[in-house]
Amino acid sequence: MNKYIIPWRRGGIYASPRANDPFTLLHKEMNDLFDGFLGESTWNRDEEEKAVARREWFTTPRVDVSETDKEIQVSTELPGIDEKDVKITVDRKILTIEAEKKDEKAEEKDRQYHITEMRYGKFSRSFRLPENRVDEENIKAAFDKGVLTVTLPKREPTPEAKRTIEIQSGK
């Protein structure tokens, strides 16, 4: 008995999910929720759904976040992306990494592809920085062999000023 909350077509075949469709991710999360509740394994998923999960990695590439006494490092693999196509911003204590891998095959009109497994598209990852712990003026980034490393130097936390609040009479 299949309990997956995915639209069905005639004949009991899964509707074709799209990797960038927000409902596909919602379906997957709901399936995982029911699988966890009912004790079912997620390994016997439809092959098409597994392929979508493999493609989804590009829309949210994996990161490593590490920390020492002096700095925090955020590293992410961005294979096939040029350094010029990566944008890093810090706004209101939020570090955002954005990139785009462009599909150059779209310009090739005379070539017929039989298999295309290379991934293309945009992605964005954001991280909330620890309050008063990062020296935002000295953040550095390096891009080497498809790996982006953002180094966030730490600063000593500023002690919060202690103050006494006067109580006013209720009159």
N, C-alpha and C. Protein backbone atom coordinates (compact mmCIF):
# COMPACT_ATOMS: atom_id res chain seq x y z
N MET A 1 0.85 -1.18 0.00
CA MET A 1 0.00 0.00 0.00
C MET A 1 0.89 1.23 0.00
N ASN A 2 0.64 2.14 -0.90
CA ASN A 2 1.47 3.34 -1.03
C ASN A 2 0.77 4.52 -0.39
N LYS A 3 1.43 5.18 0.56
CA LYS A 3 0.84 6.27 1.31
C LYS A 3 1.38 7.63 0.90
N TYR A 4 2.14 7.71 -0.17
CA TYR A 4 2.77 8.95 -0.54
C TYR A 4 1.76 9.98 -1.01
N ILE A 5 1.94 11.20 -0.58
CA ILE A 5 1.04 12.28 -0.95
C ILE A 5 1.62 12.97 -2.18
N ILE A 6 1.51 12.31 -3.30
CA ILE A 6 1.99 12.83 -4.58
C ILE A 6 0.87 12.65 -5.57
N PRO A 7 0.60 13.64 -6.43
CA PRO A 7 -0.50 13.49 -7.39
C PRO A 7 -0.31 12.24 -8.24
N TRP A 8 -1.42 11.59 -8.52
CA TRP A 8 -1.41 10.36 -9.31
C TRP A 8 -2.00 10.60 -10.67
N ARG A 9 -1.49 9.86 -11.65
CA ARG A 9 -2.09 9.82 -12.98
C ARG A 9 -2.81 8.50 -13.12
N ARG A 10 -3.53 8.35 -14.20
CA ARG A 10 -4.20 7.10 -14.50
C ARG A 10 -3.19 5.96 -14.54
N GLY A 11 -3.51 4.84 -13.96
CA GLY A 11 -2.60 3.70 -13.98
C GLY A 11 -1.68 3.66 -12.76
N GLY A 12 -1.83 4.60 -11.82
CA GLY A 12 -1.04 4.57 -10.59
C GLY A 12 0.40 4.98 -10.76
N ILE A 13 0.74 5.77 -11.78
CA ILE A 13 2.10 6.23 -11.99
C ILE A 13 2.22 7.63 -11.42
N TYR A 14 3.33 7.90 -10.77
CA TYR A 14 3.55 9.22 -10.20
C TYR A 14 3.50 10.29 -11.29
N ALA A 15 2.93 11.43 -10.94
CA ALA A 15 3.02 12.57 -11.84
C ALA A 15 4.46 13.02 -11.85
N SER A 16 4.90 13.57 -12.94
CA SER A 16 6.30 13.94 -13.09
C SER A 16 6.63 15.17 -12.25
N PRO A 17 7.37 15.02 -11.16
CA PRO A 17 7.72 16.18 -10.36
C PRO A 17 8.81 17.01 -11.03
N ARG A 18 8.80 18.28 -10.77
CA ARG A 18 9.83 19.17 -11.30
C ARG A 18 10.76 19.56 -10.16
N ALA A 19 12.06 19.58 -10.44
CA ALA A 19 13.05 19.82 -9.39
C ALA A 19 12.89 21.19 -8.74
N ASN A 20 12.49 22.20 -9.49
CA ASN A 20 12.40 23.55 -8.93
C ASN A 20 11.00 23.88 -8.44
N ASP A 21 10.07 22.95 -8.50
CA ASP A 21 8.70 23.17 -8.06
C ASP A 21 8.65 23.11 -6.54
N PRO A 22 8.20 24.17 -5.86
CA PRO A 22 8.17 24.14 -4.40
C PRO A 22 7.26 23.05 -3.85
N PHE A 23 6.26 22.64 -4.62
CA PHE A 23 5.37 21.59 -4.16
C PHE A 23 6.06 20.23 -4.16
N THR A 24 7.06 20.04 -5.04
CA THR A 24 7.81 18.78 -5.03
C THR A 24 8.53 18.61 -3.70
N LEU A 25 9.15 19.67 -3.22
CA LEU A 25 9.83 19.62 -1.93
C LEU A 25 8.84 19.38 -0.80
N LEU A 26 7.68 20.04 -0.87
CA LEU A 26 6.64 19.84 0.14
C LEU A 26 6.18 18.38 0.13
N HIS A 27 5.98 17.80 -1.06
CA HIS A 27 5.58 16.40 -1.16
C HIS A 27 6.62 15.50 -0.50
N LYS A 28 7.89 15.75 -0.79
CA LYS A 28 8.95 14.93 -0.23
C LYS A 28 8.95 15.03 1.30
N GLU A 29 8.81 16.25 1.82
CA GLU A 29 8.81 16.43 3.27
C GLU A 29 7.61 15.74 3.92
N MET A 30 6.45 15.82 3.26
CA MET A 30 5.27 15.13 3.79
C MET A 30 5.47 13.61 3.76
N ASN A 31 6.05 13.11 2.67
CA ASN A 31 6.34 11.67 2.59
C ASN A 31 7.25 11.25 3.73
N ASP A 32 8.31 12.03 3.96
CA ASP A 32 9.25 11.71 5.03
C ASP A 32 8.56 11.76 6.39
N LEU A 33 7.66 12.73 6.58
CA LEU A 33 6.93 12.84 7.83
C LEU A 33 6.07 11.60 8.07
N PHE A 34 5.32 11.18 7.04
CA PHE A 34 4.49 9.99 7.19
C PHE A 34 5.35 8.73 7.35
N ASP A 35 6.45 8.66 6.61
CA ASP A 35 7.33 7.49 6.74
C ASP A 35 7.87 7.38 8.16
N GLY A 36 8.27 8.51 8.74
CA GLY A 36 8.77 8.49 10.10
C GLY A 36 7.71 8.09 11.10
N PHE A 37 6.50 8.60 10.90
CA PHE A 37 5.40 8.30 11.81
C PHE A 37 4.96 6.85 11.70
N LEU A 38 4.91 6.34 10.49
CA LEU A 38 4.42 4.98 10.27
C LEU A 38 5.54 3.94 10.27
N GLY A 39 6.79 4.37 10.43
CA GLY A 39 7.90 3.43 10.50
C GLY A 39 8.26 2.83 9.16
N GLU A 40 7.91 3.48 8.08
CA GLU A 40 8.21 2.97 6.74
C GLU A 40 9.59 3.44 6.31
N SER A 41 10.19 2.70 5.42
CA SER A 41 11.48 3.08 4.85
C SER A 41 11.27 3.94 3.61
N THR A 42 12.12 4.93 3.40
CA THR A 42 12.01 5.78 2.22
C THR A 42 12.84 5.24 1.06
N TRP A 43 13.47 4.07 1.23
CA TRP A 43 14.35 3.55 0.19
C TRP A 43 13.61 3.01 -1.02
N ASN A 44 12.35 2.69 -0.90
CA ASN A 44 11.63 2.12 -2.03
C ASN A 44 10.81 3.17 -2.77
N ARG A 45 11.37 4.34 -2.93
CA ARG A 45 10.73 5.42 -3.66
C ARG A 45 10.78 5.15 -5.15
N ASP A 46 9.90 5.78 -5.84
CA ASP A 46 9.86 5.70 -7.30
C ASP A 46 11.17 6.25 -7.87
N GLU A 47 11.68 5.63 -8.91
CA GLU A 47 12.96 6.04 -9.50
C GLU A 47 12.95 7.49 -9.96
N GLU A 48 11.85 7.94 -10.49
CA GLU A 48 11.76 9.33 -10.95
C GLU A 48 11.90 10.30 -9.77
N GLU A 49 11.31 9.96 -8.64
CA GLU A 49 11.41 10.80 -7.45
C GLU A 49 12.84 10.82 -6.93
N LYS A 50 13.53 9.66 -6.99
CA LYS A 50 14.94 9.61 -6.58
C LYS A 50 15.79 10.51 -7.48
N ALA A 51 15.50 10.52 -8.78
CA ALA A 51 16.26 11.36 -9.71
C ALA A 51 16.06 12.83 -9.38
N VAL A 52 14.84 13.21 -9.01
CA VAL A 52 14.57 14.60 -8.63
C VAL A 52 15.38 14.95 -7.39
N ALA A 53 15.44 14.05 -6.42
CA ALA A 53 16.20 14.30 -5.19
C ALA A 53 17.68 14.50 -5.52
N ARG A 54 18.21 13.73 -6.49
CA ARG A 54 19.62 13.89 -6.87
C ARG A 54 19.84 15.24 -7.53
N ARG A 55 18.87 15.72 -8.30
CA ARG A 55 19.03 17.02 -8.96
C ARG A 55 18.89 18.18 -7.98
N GLU A 56 18.15 17.97 -6.89
CA GLU A 56 17.89 19.05 -5.95
C GLU A 56 19.14 19.53 -5.23
N TRP A 57 20.20 18.74 -5.20
CA TRP A 57 21.40 19.14 -4.48
C TRP A 57 21.92 20.47 -4.99
N PHE A 58 21.73 20.76 -6.28
CA PHE A 58 22.30 21.99 -6.81
C PHE A 58 21.55 23.22 -6.32
N THR A 59 20.24 23.10 -6.12
CA THR A 59 19.51 24.27 -5.65
C THR A 59 19.86 24.60 -4.21
N THR A 60 20.38 23.63 -3.46
CA THR A 60 20.86 23.89 -2.11
C THR A 60 22.14 23.09 -1.89
N PRO A 61 23.27 23.58 -2.39
CA PRO A 61 24.51 22.84 -2.21
C PRO A 61 24.87 22.69 -0.74
N ARG A 62 25.54 21.64 -0.43
CA ARG A 62 25.93 21.34 0.95
C ARG A 62 27.06 22.27 1.39
N VAL A 63 27.07 22.57 2.68
CA VAL A 63 28.10 23.43 3.23
C VAL A 63 28.74 22.75 4.44
N ASP A 64 29.96 23.15 4.72
CA ASP A 64 30.64 22.80 5.96
C ASP A 64 30.83 24.10 6.73
N VAL A 65 30.42 24.14 7.98
CA VAL A 65 30.64 25.30 8.83
C VAL A 65 31.50 24.82 9.98
N SER A 66 32.66 25.47 10.12
CA SER A 66 33.59 25.09 11.19
C SER A 66 33.98 26.34 11.96
N GLU A 67 34.55 26.11 13.16
CA GLU A 67 34.87 27.23 14.02
C GLU A 67 36.14 26.95 14.81
N THR A 68 36.94 27.99 14.95
CA THR A 68 38.10 27.95 15.85
C THR A 68 37.93 29.09 16.84
N ASP A 69 38.95 29.30 17.66
CA ASP A 69 38.89 30.41 18.61
C ASP A 69 38.89 31.76 17.91
N LYS A 70 39.47 31.80 16.69
CA LYS A 70 39.66 33.08 16.01
C LYS A 70 38.70 33.34 14.86
N GLU A 71 38.06 32.28 14.30
CA GLU A 71 37.25 32.49 13.11
C GLU A 71 36.19 31.42 12.93
N ILE A 72 35.24 31.75 12.07
CA ILE A 72 34.23 30.80 11.61
C ILE A 72 34.45 30.67 10.11
N GLN A 73 34.40 29.44 9.59
CA GLN A 73 34.57 29.22 8.15
C GLN A 73 33.32 28.54 7.59
N VAL A 74 32.86 29.06 6.46
CA VAL A 74 31.76 28.46 5.72
C VAL A 74 32.32 28.05 4.37
N SER A 75 32.30 26.75 4.08
CA SER A 75 32.83 26.23 2.82
C SER A 75 31.72 25.51 2.07
N THR A 76 31.68 25.70 0.76
CA THR A 76 30.71 25.01 -0.07
C THR A 76 31.33 24.65 -1.41
N GLU A 77 30.96 23.49 -1.92
CA GLU A 77 31.46 23.06 -3.22
C GLU A 77 30.58 23.66 -4.31
N LEU A 78 31.22 24.29 -5.28
CA LEU A 78 30.51 24.89 -6.41
C LEU A 78 31.16 24.44 -7.70
N PRO A 79 31.06 23.16 -8.03
CA PRO A 79 31.75 22.66 -9.23
C PRO A 79 31.17 23.28 -10.50
N GLY A 80 32.06 23.67 -11.39
CA GLY A 80 31.65 24.20 -12.68
C GLY A 80 31.17 25.64 -12.66
N ILE A 81 31.30 26.32 -11.53
CA ILE A 81 30.86 27.71 -11.43
C ILE A 81 32.08 28.61 -11.46
N ASP A 82 32.00 29.66 -12.26
CA ASP A 82 33.09 30.63 -12.32
C ASP A 82 33.01 31.56 -11.11
N GLU A 83 34.17 31.99 -10.67
CA GLU A 83 34.25 32.90 -9.53
C GLU A 83 33.42 34.16 -9.75
N LYS A 84 33.38 34.63 -10.99
CA LYS A 84 32.64 35.86 -11.30
C LYS A 84 31.13 35.69 -11.18
N ASP A 85 30.65 34.44 -11.13
CA ASP A 85 29.22 34.18 -11.01
C ASP A 85 28.79 33.93 -9.57
N VAL A 86 29.68 34.20 -8.61
CA VAL A 86 29.37 34.02 -7.19
C VAL A 86 29.26 35.39 -6.54
N LYS A 87 28.23 35.57 -5.72
CA LYS A 87 28.02 36.84 -5.01
C LYS A 87 27.85 36.52 -3.53
N ILE A 88 28.60 37.25 -2.68
CA ILE A 88 28.53 37.06 -1.23
C ILE A 88 28.17 38.40 -0.60
N THR A 89 27.13 38.40 0.23
CA THR A 89 26.71 39.64 0.88
C THR A 89 26.48 39.39 2.37
N VAL A 90 26.60 40.47 3.15
CA VAL A 90 26.22 40.46 4.56
C VAL A 90 25.29 41.64 4.76
N ASP A 91 24.09 41.35 5.23
CA ASP A 91 23.09 42.39 5.44
C ASP A 91 22.30 42.04 6.70
N ARG A 92 22.34 42.93 7.67
CA ARG A 92 21.59 42.74 8.93
C ARG A 92 21.92 41.41 9.59
N LYS A 93 23.20 41.11 9.70
CA LYS A 93 23.70 39.89 10.37
C LYS A 93 23.33 38.61 9.63
N ILE A 94 23.06 38.70 8.32
CA ILE A 94 22.76 37.53 7.50
C ILE A 94 23.81 37.44 6.40
N LEU A 95 24.56 36.33 6.38
CA LEU A 95 25.52 36.05 5.31
C LEU A 95 24.78 35.29 4.22
N THR A 96 24.84 35.79 2.98
CA THR A 96 24.17 35.14 1.86
C THR A 96 25.18 34.84 0.77
N ILE A 97 25.15 33.60 0.29
CA ILE A 97 26.00 33.16 -0.82
C ILE A 97 25.05 32.83 -1.98
N GLU A 98 25.27 33.50 -3.12
CA GLU A 98 24.45 33.26 -4.30
C GLU A 98 25.37 32.93 -5.47
N ALA A 99 24.89 32.07 -6.35
CA ALA A 99 25.68 31.72 -7.54
C ALA A 99 24.75 31.25 -8.64
N GLU A 100 25.29 31.23 -9.84
CA GLU A 100 24.55 30.73 -10.98
C GLU A 100 25.50 29.97 -11.90
N LYS A 101 25.08 28.78 -12.27
CA LYS A 101 25.81 28.00 -13.26
C LYS A 101 24.99 28.07 -14.53
N LYS A 102 25.58 28.66 -15.55
CA LYS A 102 24.84 28.90 -16.79
C LYS A 102 24.92 27.70 -17.73
N ASP A 103 23.83 27.49 -18.46
CA ASP A 103 23.73 26.40 -19.43
C ASP A 103 24.22 26.91 -20.77
N GLU A 104 25.45 26.57 -21.12
CA GLU A 104 26.01 27.02 -22.39
C GLU A 104 25.51 26.18 -23.55
N LYS A 105 24.91 25.02 -23.26
CA LYS A 105 24.39 24.16 -24.32
C LYS A 105 23.20 24.80 -25.03
N ALA A 106 22.51 25.70 -24.36
CA ALA A 106 21.32 26.32 -24.96
C ALA A 106 21.68 27.10 -26.23
N GLU A 107 22.94 27.54 -26.32
CA GLU A 107 23.38 28.31 -27.48
C GLU A 107 23.78 27.42 -28.66
N GLU A 108 23.95 26.13 -28.44
CA GLU A 108 24.38 25.20 -29.48
C GLU A 108 23.15 24.67 -30.22
N LYS A 109 22.85 25.25 -31.37
CA LYS A 109 21.65 24.87 -32.12
C LYS A 109 21.88 23.63 -32.98
N ASP A 110 23.12 23.37 -33.40
CA ASP A 110 23.38 22.26 -34.32
C ASP A 110 23.76 20.96 -33.63
N ARG A 111 23.77 20.94 -32.31
CA ARG A 111 24.17 19.74 -31.57
C ARG A 111 22.94 19.09 -30.94
N GLN A 112 22.85 17.77 -31.08
CA GLN A 112 21.75 17.02 -30.48
C GLN A 112 22.31 16.22 -29.30
N TYR A 113 21.73 16.43 -28.12
CA TYR A 113 22.19 15.73 -26.92
C TYR A 113 21.33 14.50 -26.68
N HIS A 114 21.98 13.40 -26.28
CA HIS A 114 21.27 12.18 -25.97
C HIS A 114 21.11 12.00 -24.47
N ILE A 115 22.09 12.47 -23.72
CA ILE A 115 22.03 12.44 -22.26
C ILE A 115 22.55 13.78 -21.76
N THR A 116 21.81 14.39 -20.84
CA THR A 116 22.30 15.61 -20.19
C THR A 116 22.10 15.44 -18.69
N GLU A 117 23.19 15.28 -17.97
CA GLU A 117 23.14 15.11 -16.52
C GLU A 117 23.79 16.26 -15.77
N MET A 118 24.42 17.17 -16.50
CA MET A 118 25.06 18.30 -15.84
C MET A 118 23.97 19.26 -15.35
N ARG A 119 24.21 19.86 -14.20
CA ARG A 119 23.21 20.70 -13.55
C ARG A 119 23.49 22.18 -13.83
N TYR A 120 22.40 22.94 -13.98
CA TYR A 120 22.49 24.37 -14.23
C TYR A 120 21.42 25.06 -13.42
N GLY A 121 21.67 26.31 -13.12
CA GLY A 121 20.66 27.09 -12.42
C GLY A 121 21.25 27.99 -11.36
N LYS A 122 20.37 28.64 -10.60
CA LYS A 122 20.76 29.56 -9.54
C LYS A 122 20.53 28.90 -8.19
N PHE A 123 21.26 29.38 -7.20
CA PHE A 123 21.01 28.96 -5.84
C PHE A 123 21.36 30.09 -4.90
N SER A 124 20.87 29.98 -3.69
CA SER A 124 21.16 30.97 -2.66
C SER A 124 21.10 30.26 -1.31
N ARG A 125 22.10 30.50 -0.46
CA ARG A 125 22.12 29.98 0.90
C ARG A 125 22.37 31.15 1.83
N SER A 126 21.66 31.20 2.93
CA SER A 126 21.81 32.28 3.91
C SER A 126 22.05 31.70 5.29
N PHE A 127 22.87 32.41 6.07
CA PHE A 127 23.22 31.98 7.42
C PHE A 127 23.15 33.18 8.35
N ARG A 128 22.49 33.01 9.48
CA ARG A 128 22.44 34.08 10.49
C ARG A 128 23.76 34.07 11.25
N LEU A 129 24.40 35.23 11.32
CA LEU A 129 25.67 35.34 12.03
C LEU A 129 25.42 35.48 13.53
N PRO A 130 26.34 34.96 14.33
CA PRO A 130 26.17 35.11 15.78
C PRO A 130 26.18 36.58 16.17
N GLU A 131 25.30 36.93 17.05
CA GLU A 131 25.14 38.32 17.47
C GLU A 131 26.44 38.84 18.11
N ASN A 132 26.98 39.94 17.60
CA ASN A 132 28.17 40.63 18.13
C ASN A 132 29.40 39.74 18.24
N ARG A 133 29.53 38.73 17.38
CA ARG A 133 30.69 37.84 17.44
C ARG A 133 31.55 37.88 16.19
N VAL A 134 31.05 38.45 15.09
CA VAL A 134 31.77 38.43 13.82
C VAL A 134 32.21 39.85 13.46
N ASP A 135 33.47 39.97 13.07
CA ASP A 135 34.00 41.24 12.59
C ASP A 135 33.62 41.37 11.11
N GLU A 136 32.47 41.95 10.86
CA GLU A 136 31.92 42.00 9.51
C GLU A 136 32.79 42.79 8.52
N GLU A 137 33.59 43.70 9.01
CA GLU A 137 34.44 44.51 8.14
C GLU A 137 35.61 43.72 7.57
N ASN A 138 35.96 42.60 8.16
CA ASN A 138 37.14 41.84 7.73
C ASN A 138 36.82 40.44 7.21
N ILE A 139 35.60 40.23 6.76
CA ILE A 139 35.22 38.94 6.18
C ILE A 139 35.97 38.77 4.86
N LYS A 140 36.50 37.57 4.64
CA LYS A 140 37.25 37.29 3.41
C LYS A 140 36.67 36.03 2.75
N ALA A 141 36.85 35.97 1.43
CA ALA A 141 36.39 34.79 0.69
C ALA A 141 37.48 34.34 -0.27
N ALA A 142 37.59 33.04 -0.44
CA ALA A 142 38.55 32.46 -1.39
C ALA A 142 37.83 31.39 -2.20
N PHE A 143 38.23 31.28 -3.47
CA PHE A 143 37.61 30.30 -4.36
C PHE A 143 38.74 29.51 -4.99
N ASP A 144 38.81 28.20 -4.68
CA ASP A 144 39.90 27.38 -5.17
C ASP A 144 39.38 26.00 -5.56
N LYS A 145 39.62 25.61 -6.80
CA LYS A 145 39.25 24.29 -7.32
C LYS A 145 37.78 23.97 -7.07
N GLY A 146 36.90 24.96 -7.29
CA GLY A 146 35.47 24.74 -7.16
C GLY A 146 34.94 24.77 -5.74
N VAL A 147 35.77 25.15 -4.77
CA VAL A 147 35.33 25.23 -3.38
C VAL A 147 35.43 26.69 -2.93
N LEU A 148 34.30 27.23 -2.49
CA LEU A 148 34.25 28.58 -1.95
C LEU A 148 34.39 28.50 -0.44
N THR A 149 35.33 29.27 0.12
CA THR A 149 35.53 29.32 1.57
C THR A 149 35.39 30.76 2.01
N VAL A 150 34.42 31.02 2.87
CA VAL A 150 34.21 32.34 3.44
C VAL A 150 34.70 32.30 4.87
N THR A 151 35.65 33.20 5.20
CA THR A 151 36.24 33.24 6.53
C THR A 151 35.70 34.46 7.27
N LEU A 152 35.08 34.21 8.41
CA LEU A 152 34.47 35.26 9.22
C LEU A 152 35.28 35.39 10.51
N PRO A 153 36.15 36.40 10.61
CA PRO A 153 36.95 36.54 11.83
C PRO A 153 36.05 36.90 13.02
N LYS A 154 36.39 36.33 14.16
CA LYS A 154 35.63 36.61 15.37
C LYS A 154 36.18 37.87 16.06
N ARG A 155 35.33 38.47 16.82
CA ARG A 155 35.78 39.57 17.68
C ARG A 155 35.25 39.27 19.07
N GLU A 156 35.86 39.90 20.03
CA GLU A 156 35.42 39.71 21.41
C GLU A 156 34.00 40.26 21.54
N PRO A 157 33.13 39.50 22.16
CA PRO A 157 31.77 40.02 22.32
C PRO A 157 31.77 41.27 23.20
N THR A 158 31.01 42.22 22.76
CA THR A 158 30.92 43.45 23.55
C THR A 158 29.96 43.20 24.71
N PRO A 159 30.42 43.51 25.91
CA PRO A 159 29.53 43.28 27.05
C PRO A 159 28.34 44.23 26.97
N GLU A 160 27.19 43.67 27.27
CA GLU A 160 26.00 44.51 27.25
C GLU A 160 26.05 45.45 28.45
N ALA A 161 25.72 46.68 28.19
CA ALA A 161 25.76 47.68 29.26
C ALA A 161 24.65 47.39 30.27
N LYS A 162 25.06 47.31 31.50
CA LYS A 162 24.09 47.08 32.57
C LYS A 162 23.59 48.43 33.04
N ARG A 163 22.28 48.52 33.16
CA ARG A 163 21.74 49.78 33.65
C ARG A 163 20.60 49.49 34.61
N THR A 164 20.36 50.43 35.46
CA THR A 164 19.30 50.31 36.44
C THR A 164 18.11 51.10 35.94
N ILE A 165 16.93 50.52 36.04
CA ILE A 165 15.71 51.18 35.60
C ILE A 165 14.99 51.70 36.83
N GLU A 166 14.69 52.99 36.80
CA GLU A 166 13.96 53.58 37.92
C GLU A 166 12.49 53.21 37.86
N ILE A 167 11.93 52.96 38.98
CA ILE A 167 10.49 52.67 39.08
C ILE A 167 9.77 53.96 39.39
N GLN A 168 8.81 54.30 38.55
CA GLN A 168 8.03 55.51 38.77
C GLN A 168 6.77 55.17 39.52
N SER A 169 6.33 56.11 40.31
CA SER A 169 5.11 55.85 41.06
C SER A 169 3.93 55.80 40.11
N GLY A 170 2.88 55.06 40.48
CA GLY A 170 1.73 54.85 39.60
C GLY A 170 0.78 56.03 39.54
N LYS A 171 1.10 57.15 40.11
CA LYS A 171 0.18 58.29 40.10
C LYS A 171 0.41 59.19 38.94
